[in-house]
Amino acid sequence: MGWIVLIVLGVFAFGALLLLGLPRSLMSFAGAALMLGAAGYALQARPDLPGAPVEASKKAVPDEPALRELRGAMFGRFTYLDGYFFASDALMRQGDMERAARLMLGGVRASPNDAAMWTWLGFALSEADGRTVSPAAGIAFRRAVALAPRHPGPAFFYGMAHVRAGNFAAALPWWRKALELTPPGSSYRRDLALRVELLRRVVELQKRD
């Protein structure tokens, strides 16, 4: 098909030059240019290769309303944090993890002593790094823990980053810590307790294998 298309294009181009009234003195130059293009195609083209669809560099990811609800229950709702959190969520859903991380980095620069900002920066960085707890993500999470050592949020999402990276044994101590720091009457305490128990069982099964 590549050769057929090349011939058709060549005939079409030459006919167009005639219709446009190209002087005969320049016809030889036009013909040489067409022949040069055909020669280049013959030397470098690979018409025998199968076609392959081009995929977008960023893929949308499923929405996670339960995670957002838990974050809101831990860090509060209807605060100045919402603008950063919601924008970061939107970018993550679009698959643009790097921009989400840069957005949260801007939030940290605006509020350098906010544990929630550092927590979500760590989470965004771990997502941007292919769901791995990279050194940068670890620094952000540990900064959040240092800023709010009695808050369950930083410990929980640090553990969540480990879970999404497949490091269940590393996640379990952080989730246990988050459960210990959660007040008895909190709306999310039961959810955390269930997650801790399920994760404990997974880690036990891994040890047996």
C-alpha atoms as a PDB file:
ATOM      1  CA  MET A   1       0.000   0.000   0.000  1.00  0.00           C
ATOM      2  CA  GLY A   2       2.885   2.363   0.673  1.00  0.00           C
ATOM      3  CA  TRP A   3       4.159   2.145  -2.896  1.00  0.00           C
ATOM      4  CA  ILE A   4       0.672   2.605  -4.341  1.00  0.00           C
ATOM      5  CA  VAL A   5       0.114   5.709  -2.235  1.00  0.00           C
ATOM      6  CA  LEU A   6       3.524   7.051  -3.274  1.00  0.00           C
ATOM      7  CA  ILE A   7       2.735   6.608  -6.993  1.00  0.00           C
ATOM      8  CA  VAL A   8      -0.698   8.223  -6.624  1.00  0.00           C
ATOM      9  CA  LEU A   9       0.781  11.189  -4.769  1.00  0.00           C
ATOM     10  CA  GLY A  10       3.481  11.592  -7.395  1.00  0.00           C
ATOM     11  CA  VAL A  11       0.995  11.602 -10.271  1.00  0.00           C
ATOM     12  CA  PHE A  12      -1.257  14.006  -8.386  1.00  0.00           C
ATOM     13  CA  ALA A  13       1.621  16.383  -7.631  1.00  0.00           C
ATOM     14  CA  PHE A  14       2.859  16.364 -11.218  1.00  0.00           C
ATOM     15  CA  GLY A  15      -0.672  16.970 -12.523  1.00  0.00           C
ATOM     16  CA  ALA A  16      -1.134  19.841 -10.105  1.00  0.00           C
ATOM     17  CA  LEU A  17       2.048  21.462 -11.362  1.00  0.00           C
ATOM     18  CA  LEU A  18       0.755  21.258 -14.940  1.00  0.00           C
ATOM     19  CA  LEU A  19      -2.596  22.762 -13.964  1.00  0.00           C
ATOM     20  CA  LEU A  20      -0.858  25.587 -12.122  1.00  0.00           C
ATOM     21  CA  GLY A  21       1.029  26.462 -15.288  1.00  0.00           C
ATOM     22  CA  LEU A  22       4.534  25.739 -14.148  1.00  0.00           C
ATOM     23  CA  PRO A  23       6.968  26.782 -16.916  1.00  0.00           C
ATOM     24  CA  ARG A  24       8.469  23.928 -18.921  1.00  0.00           C
ATOM     25  CA  SER A  25      11.936  25.144 -17.988  1.00  0.00           C
ATOM     26  CA  LEU A  26      11.174  24.307 -14.348  1.00  0.00           C
ATOM     27  CA  MET A  27       9.512  20.969 -15.006  1.00  0.00           C
ATOM     28  CA  SER A  28      12.861  19.185 -14.863  1.00  0.00           C
ATOM     29  CA  PHE A  29      13.544  20.594 -11.391  1.00  0.00           C
ATOM     30  CA  ALA A  30      10.086  19.561 -10.163  1.00  0.00           C
ATOM     31  CA  GLY A  31      10.535  16.089 -11.607  1.00  0.00           C
ATOM     32  CA  ALA A  32      13.921  15.786  -9.940  1.00  0.00           C
ATOM     33  CA  ALA A  33      12.446  16.792  -6.587  1.00  0.00           C
ATOM     34  CA  LEU A  34       9.711  14.172  -6.909  1.00  0.00           C
ATOM     35  CA  MET A  35      12.225  11.505  -7.872  1.00  0.00           C
ATOM     36  CA  LEU A  36      14.431  12.484  -4.924  1.00  0.00           C
ATOM     37  CA  GLY A  37      11.509  12.059  -2.554  1.00  0.00           C
ATOM     38  CA  ALA A  38      10.698   8.662  -4.053  1.00  0.00           C
ATOM     39  CA  ALA A  39      14.318   7.586  -3.679  1.00  0.00           C
ATOM     40  CA  GLY A  40      14.332   8.625  -0.049  1.00  0.00           C
ATOM     41  CA  TYR A  41      11.182   6.623   0.562  1.00  0.00           C
ATOM     42  CA  ALA A  42      12.693   3.582  -1.124  1.00  0.00           C
ATOM     43  CA  LEU A  43      15.829   3.789   1.034  1.00  0.00           C
ATOM     44  CA  GLN A  44      14.301   4.554   4.437  1.00  0.00           C
ATOM     45  CA  ALA A  45      10.624   3.622   4.435  1.00  0.00           C
ATOM     46  CA  ARG A  46       9.354   0.455   6.120  1.00  0.00           C
ATOM     47  CA  PRO A  47       5.928  -0.123   4.566  1.00  0.00           C
ATOM     48  CA  ASP A  48       6.003  -3.753   5.684  1.00  0.00           C
ATOM     49  CA  LEU A  49       5.817  -2.815   9.373  1.00  0.00           C
ATOM     50  CA  PRO A  50       2.368  -3.272  10.953  1.00  0.00           C
ATOM     51  CA  GLY A  51       0.565  -0.171  12.114  1.00  0.00           C
ATOM     52  CA  ALA A  52       0.276   0.551  15.817  1.00  0.00           C
ATOM     53  CA  PRO A  53      -2.165   2.926  17.508  1.00  0.00           C
ATOM     54  CA  VAL A  54      -0.620   5.829  19.392  1.00  0.00           C
ATOM     55  CA  GLU A  55      -1.590   5.873  23.038  1.00  0.00           C
ATOM     56  CA  ALA A  56      -1.953   9.024  25.097  1.00  0.00           C
ATOM     57  CA  SER A  57       0.939   9.651  27.476  1.00  0.00           C
ATOM     58  CA  LYS A  58      -1.487  10.214  30.350  1.00  0.00           C
ATOM     59  CA  LYS A  59      -4.305   7.835  31.180  1.00  0.00           C
ATOM     60  CA  ALA A  60      -7.299   8.708  33.287  1.00  0.00           C
ATOM     61  CA  VAL A  61      -7.549   6.810  36.560  1.00  0.00           C
ATOM     62  CA  PRO A  62     -10.686   5.724  38.435  1.00  0.00           C
ATOM     63  CA  ASP A  63     -12.198   8.139  40.901  1.00  0.00           C
ATOM     64  CA  GLU A  64     -11.725   7.315  44.596  1.00  0.00           C
ATOM     65  CA  PRO A  65     -14.513   9.031  46.552  1.00  0.00           C
ATOM     66  CA  ALA A  66     -13.973   6.838  49.637  1.00  0.00           C
ATOM     67  CA  LEU A  67     -10.383   8.034  49.916  1.00  0.00           C
ATOM     68  CA  ARG A  68     -11.475  11.662  49.573  1.00  0.00           C
ATOM     69  CA  GLU A  69     -14.126  11.171  52.251  1.00  0.00           C
ATOM     70  CA  LEU A  70     -11.574   9.697  54.611  1.00  0.00           C
ATOM     71  CA  ARG A  71      -9.157  12.540  53.949  1.00  0.00           C
ATOM     72  CA  GLY A  72     -11.897  15.077  54.601  1.00  0.00           C
ATOM     73  CA  ALA A  73     -12.919  13.347  57.832  1.00  0.00           C
ATOM     74  CA  MET A  74      -9.317  13.369  59.046  1.00  0.00           C
ATOM     75  CA  PHE A  75      -8.179  16.814  57.979  1.00  0.00           C
ATOM     76  CA  GLY A  76     -11.483  18.650  57.939  1.00  0.00           C
ATOM     77  CA  ARG A  77     -13.718  20.036  55.202  1.00  0.00           C
ATOM     78  CA  PHE A  78     -14.546  23.508  53.916  1.00  0.00           C
ATOM     79  CA  THR A  79     -11.128  24.909  54.719  1.00  0.00           C
ATOM     80  CA  TYR A  80      -8.439  26.610  52.664  1.00  0.00           C
ATOM     81  CA  LEU A  81      -7.053  23.124  51.998  1.00  0.00           C
ATOM     82  CA  ASP A  82      -9.996  22.227  49.779  1.00  0.00           C
ATOM     83  CA  GLY A  83      -8.756  24.291  46.840  1.00  0.00           C
ATOM     84  CA  TYR A  84      -5.447  22.422  46.737  1.00  0.00           C
ATOM     85  CA  PHE A  85      -6.971  19.041  47.464  1.00  0.00           C
ATOM     86  CA  PHE A  86      -9.748  19.298  44.875  1.00  0.00           C
ATOM     87  CA  ALA A  87      -7.424  20.579  42.159  1.00  0.00           C
ATOM     88  CA  SER A  88      -4.937  17.818  42.939  1.00  0.00           C
ATOM     89  CA  ASP A  89      -7.715  15.222  42.808  1.00  0.00           C
ATOM     90  CA  ALA A  90      -8.836  16.470  39.408  1.00  0.00           C
ATOM     91  CA  LEU A  91      -5.313  16.256  37.992  1.00  0.00           C
ATOM     92  CA  MET A  92      -4.851  12.751  39.379  1.00  0.00           C
ATOM     93  CA  ARG A  93      -8.113  11.594  37.797  1.00  0.00           C
ATOM     94  CA  GLN A  94      -6.792  12.882  34.473  1.00  0.00           C
ATOM     95  CA  GLY A  95      -3.606  10.894  34.999  1.00  0.00           C
ATOM     96  CA  ASP A  96      -1.451  14.005  35.340  1.00  0.00           C
ATOM     97  CA  MET A  97       0.316  12.962  38.527  1.00  0.00           C
ATOM     98  CA  GLU A  98       3.318  15.225  38.014  1.00  0.00           C
ATOM     99  CA  ARG A  99       1.200  18.375  37.833  1.00  0.00           C
ATOM    100  CA  ALA A 100      -0.726  17.231  40.905  1.00  0.00           C
ATOM    101  CA  ALA A 101       2.547  16.890  42.777  1.00  0.00           C
ATOM    102  CA  ARG A 102       3.733  20.327  41.603  1.00  0.00           C
ATOM    103  CA  LEU A 103       0.430  21.812  42.739  1.00  0.00           C
ATOM    104  CA  MET A 104       0.843  20.347  46.219  1.00  0.00           C
ATOM    105  CA  LEU A 105       4.434  21.551  46.313  1.00  0.00           C
ATOM    106  CA  GLY A 106       3.055  25.042  45.780  1.00  0.00           C
ATOM    107  CA  GLY A 107       0.661  24.451  48.662  1.00  0.00           C
ATOM    108  CA  VAL A 108       3.515  23.404  50.933  1.00  0.00           C
ATOM    109  CA  ARG A 109       5.455  26.524  49.998  1.00  0.00           C
ATOM    110  CA  ALA A 110       2.412  28.633  50.859  1.00  0.00           C
ATOM    111  CA  SER A 111       1.839  26.811  54.179  1.00  0.00           C
ATOM    112  CA  PRO A 112       5.151  25.198  55.184  1.00  0.00           C
ATOM    113  CA  ASN A 113       3.931  24.233  58.657  1.00  0.00           C
ATOM    114  CA  ASP A 114       0.726  22.498  57.587  1.00  0.00           C
ATOM    115  CA  ALA A 115       0.844  18.735  58.158  1.00  0.00           C
ATOM    116  CA  ALA A 116      -2.097  18.105  55.815  1.00  0.00           C
ATOM    117  CA  MET A 117      -0.306  19.838  52.952  1.00  0.00           C
ATOM    118  CA  TRP A 118       2.843  17.798  53.527  1.00  0.00           C
ATOM    119  CA  THR A 119       0.805  14.613  53.762  1.00  0.00           C
ATOM    120  CA  TRP A 120      -0.896  15.119  50.436  1.00  0.00           C
ATOM    121  CA  LEU A 121       2.348  16.242  48.853  1.00  0.00           C
ATOM    122  CA  GLY A 122       3.828  12.904  49.888  1.00  0.00           C
ATOM    123  CA  PHE A 123       0.832  11.051  48.492  1.00  0.00           C
ATOM    124  CA  ALA A 124       0.958  12.963  45.199  1.00  0.00           C
ATOM    125  CA  LEU A 125       4.697  12.349  44.878  1.00  0.00           C
ATOM    126  CA  SER A 126       4.247   8.625  45.454  1.00  0.00           C
ATOM    127  CA  GLU A 127       1.574   8.530  42.741  1.00  0.00           C
ATOM    128  CA  ALA A 128       3.759  10.536  40.349  1.00  0.00           C
ATOM    129  CA  ASP A 129       6.643   8.111  40.929  1.00  0.00           C
ATOM    130  CA  GLY A 130       4.593   5.139  39.760  1.00  0.00           C
ATOM    131  CA  ARG A 131       3.042   4.353  43.134  1.00  0.00           C
ATOM    132  CA  THR A 132       6.359   3.927  44.879  1.00  0.00           C
ATOM    133  CA  VAL A 133       7.386   5.496  48.149  1.00  0.00           C
ATOM    134  CA  SER A 134      10.254   7.442  46.616  1.00  0.00           C
ATOM    135  CA  PRO A 135      12.786   9.313  48.773  1.00  0.00           C
ATOM    136  CA  ALA A 136      10.996  12.586  48.026  1.00  0.00           C
ATOM    137  CA  ALA A 137       7.630  11.136  49.059  1.00  0.00           C
ATOM    138  CA  GLY A 138       9.169   9.693  52.222  1.00  0.00           C
ATOM    139  CA  ILE A 139      10.617  13.082  53.169  1.00  0.00           C
ATOM    140  CA  ALA A 140       7.219  14.750  52.722  1.00  0.00           C
ATOM    141  CA  PHE A 141       5.413  12.123  54.806  1.00  0.00           C
ATOM    142  CA  ARG A 142       7.978  12.226  57.604  1.00  0.00           C
ATOM    143  CA  ARG A 143       7.757  16.017  57.666  1.00  0.00           C
ATOM    144  CA  ALA A 144       3.983  15.710  58.049  1.00  0.00           C
ATOM    145  CA  VAL A 145       4.405  13.231  60.911  1.00  0.00           C
ATOM    146  CA  ALA A 146       6.913  15.546  62.613  1.00  0.00           C
ATOM    147  CA  LEU A 147       4.532  18.516  62.315  1.00  0.00           C
ATOM    148  CA  ALA A 148       1.534  16.590  63.697  1.00  0.00           C
ATOM    149  CA  PRO A 149       2.820  13.610  65.707  1.00  0.00           C
ATOM    150  CA  ARG A 150      -0.563  13.106  67.423  1.00  0.00           C
ATOM    151  CA  HIS A 151      -2.670  13.279  64.254  1.00  0.00           C
ATOM    152  CA  PRO A 152      -3.709  10.027  62.526  1.00  0.00           C
ATOM    153  CA  GLY A 153      -3.776  11.506  59.016  1.00  0.00           C
ATOM    154  CA  PRO A 154      -0.060  11.594  58.154  1.00  0.00           C
ATOM    155  CA  ALA A 155       0.516   8.084  59.492  1.00  0.00           C
ATOM    156  CA  PHE A 156      -2.499   6.666  57.674  1.00  0.00           C
ATOM    157  CA  PHE A 157      -1.652   8.093  54.261  1.00  0.00           C
ATOM    158  CA  TYR A 158       2.004   7.184  54.679  1.00  0.00           C
ATOM    159  CA  GLY A 159       0.781   3.644  55.192  1.00  0.00           C
ATOM    160  CA  MET A 160      -1.595   3.961  52.248  1.00  0.00           C
ATOM    161  CA  ALA A 161       1.302   4.935  49.978  1.00  0.00           C
ATOM    162  CA  HIS A 162       3.120   1.770  51.083  1.00  0.00           C
ATOM    163  CA  VAL A 163       0.006  -0.318  50.420  1.00  0.00           C
ATOM    164  CA  ARG A 164      -0.342   1.052  46.896  1.00  0.00           C
ATOM    165  CA  ALA A 165       3.346   0.308  46.344  1.00  0.00           C
ATOM    166  CA  GLY A 166       2.785  -3.290  47.451  1.00  0.00           C
ATOM    167  CA  ASN A 167       4.873  -2.897  50.626  1.00  0.00           C
ATOM    168  CA  PHE A 168       2.275  -4.327  53.015  1.00  0.00           C
ATOM    169  CA  ALA A 169       4.684  -5.117  55.833  1.00  0.00           C
ATOM    170  CA  ALA A 170       5.973  -1.526  55.773  1.00  0.00           C
ATOM    171  CA  ALA A 171       2.420  -0.167  55.759  1.00  0.00           C
ATOM    172  CA  LEU A 172       1.125  -2.110  58.772  1.00  0.00           C
ATOM    173  CA  PRO A 173       3.017  -0.179  61.527  1.00  0.00           C
ATOM    174  CA  TRP A 174       1.827   3.127  60.092  1.00  0.00           C
ATOM    175  CA  TRP A 175      -1.794   2.033  59.972  1.00  0.00           C
ATOM    176  CA  ARG A 176      -1.573   0.689  63.509  1.00  0.00           C
ATOM    177  CA  LYS A 177      -0.129   4.027  64.607  1.00  0.00           C
ATOM    178  CA  ALA A 178      -2.953   5.880  62.829  1.00  0.00           C
ATOM    179  CA  LEU A 179      -5.526   3.699  64.605  1.00  0.00           C
ATOM    180  CA  GLU A 180      -3.913   4.358  67.975  1.00  0.00           C
ATOM    181  CA  LEU A 181      -4.040   8.109  67.366  1.00  0.00           C
ATOM    182  CA  THR A 182      -7.678   8.078  66.241  1.00  0.00           C
ATOM    183  CA  PRO A 183     -10.104   9.267  68.944  1.00  0.00           C
ATOM    184  CA  PRO A 184     -12.635   6.609  70.045  1.00  0.00           C
ATOM    185  CA  GLY A 185     -15.652   8.537  68.806  1.00  0.00           C
ATOM    186  CA  SER A 186     -14.286   9.354  65.342  1.00  0.00           C
ATOM    187  CA  SER A 187     -16.493   8.507  62.392  1.00  0.00           C
ATOM    188  CA  TYR A 188     -13.637   6.793  60.583  1.00  0.00           C
ATOM    189  CA  ARG A 189     -12.238   4.720  63.455  1.00  0.00           C
ATOM    190  CA  ARG A 190     -14.179   1.598  62.444  1.00  0.00           C
ATOM    191  CA  ASP A 191     -12.954   1.947  58.873  1.00  0.00           C
ATOM    192  CA  LEU A 192      -9.348   2.189  60.041  1.00  0.00           C
ATOM    193  CA  ALA A 193      -9.745  -0.779  62.373  1.00  0.00           C
ATOM    194  CA  LEU A 194     -11.087  -2.895  59.509  1.00  0.00           C
ATOM    195  CA  ARG A 195      -8.237  -1.865  57.228  1.00  0.00           C
ATOM    196  CA  VAL A 196      -5.662  -2.671  59.893  1.00  0.00           C
ATOM    197  CA  GLU A 197      -7.130  -6.129  60.471  1.00  0.00           C
ATOM    198  CA  LEU A 198      -7.270  -6.948  56.761  1.00  0.00           C
ATOM    199  CA  LEU A 199      -3.736  -5.732  56.245  1.00  0.00           C
ATOM    200  CA  ARG A 200      -2.526  -7.755  59.237  1.00  0.00           C
ATOM    201  CA  ARG A 201      -3.984 -10.907  57.700  1.00  0.00           C
ATOM    202  CA  VAL A 202      -2.339 -10.190  54.350  1.00  0.00           C
ATOM    203  CA  VAL A 203       1.044  -9.709  56.018  1.00  0.00           C
ATOM    204  CA  GLU A 204       0.589 -12.958  57.971  1.00  0.00           C
ATOM    205  CA  LEU A 205      -0.193 -14.839  54.764  1.00  0.00           C
ATOM    206  CA  GLN A 206       2.890 -13.386  53.114  1.00  0.00           C
ATOM    207  CA  LYS A 207       5.039 -14.567  56.016  1.00  0.00           C
ATOM    208  CA  ARG A 208       3.708 -18.097  55.637  1.00  0.00           C
ATOM    209  CA  ASP A 209       4.591 -18.156  51.944  1.00  0.00           C
END
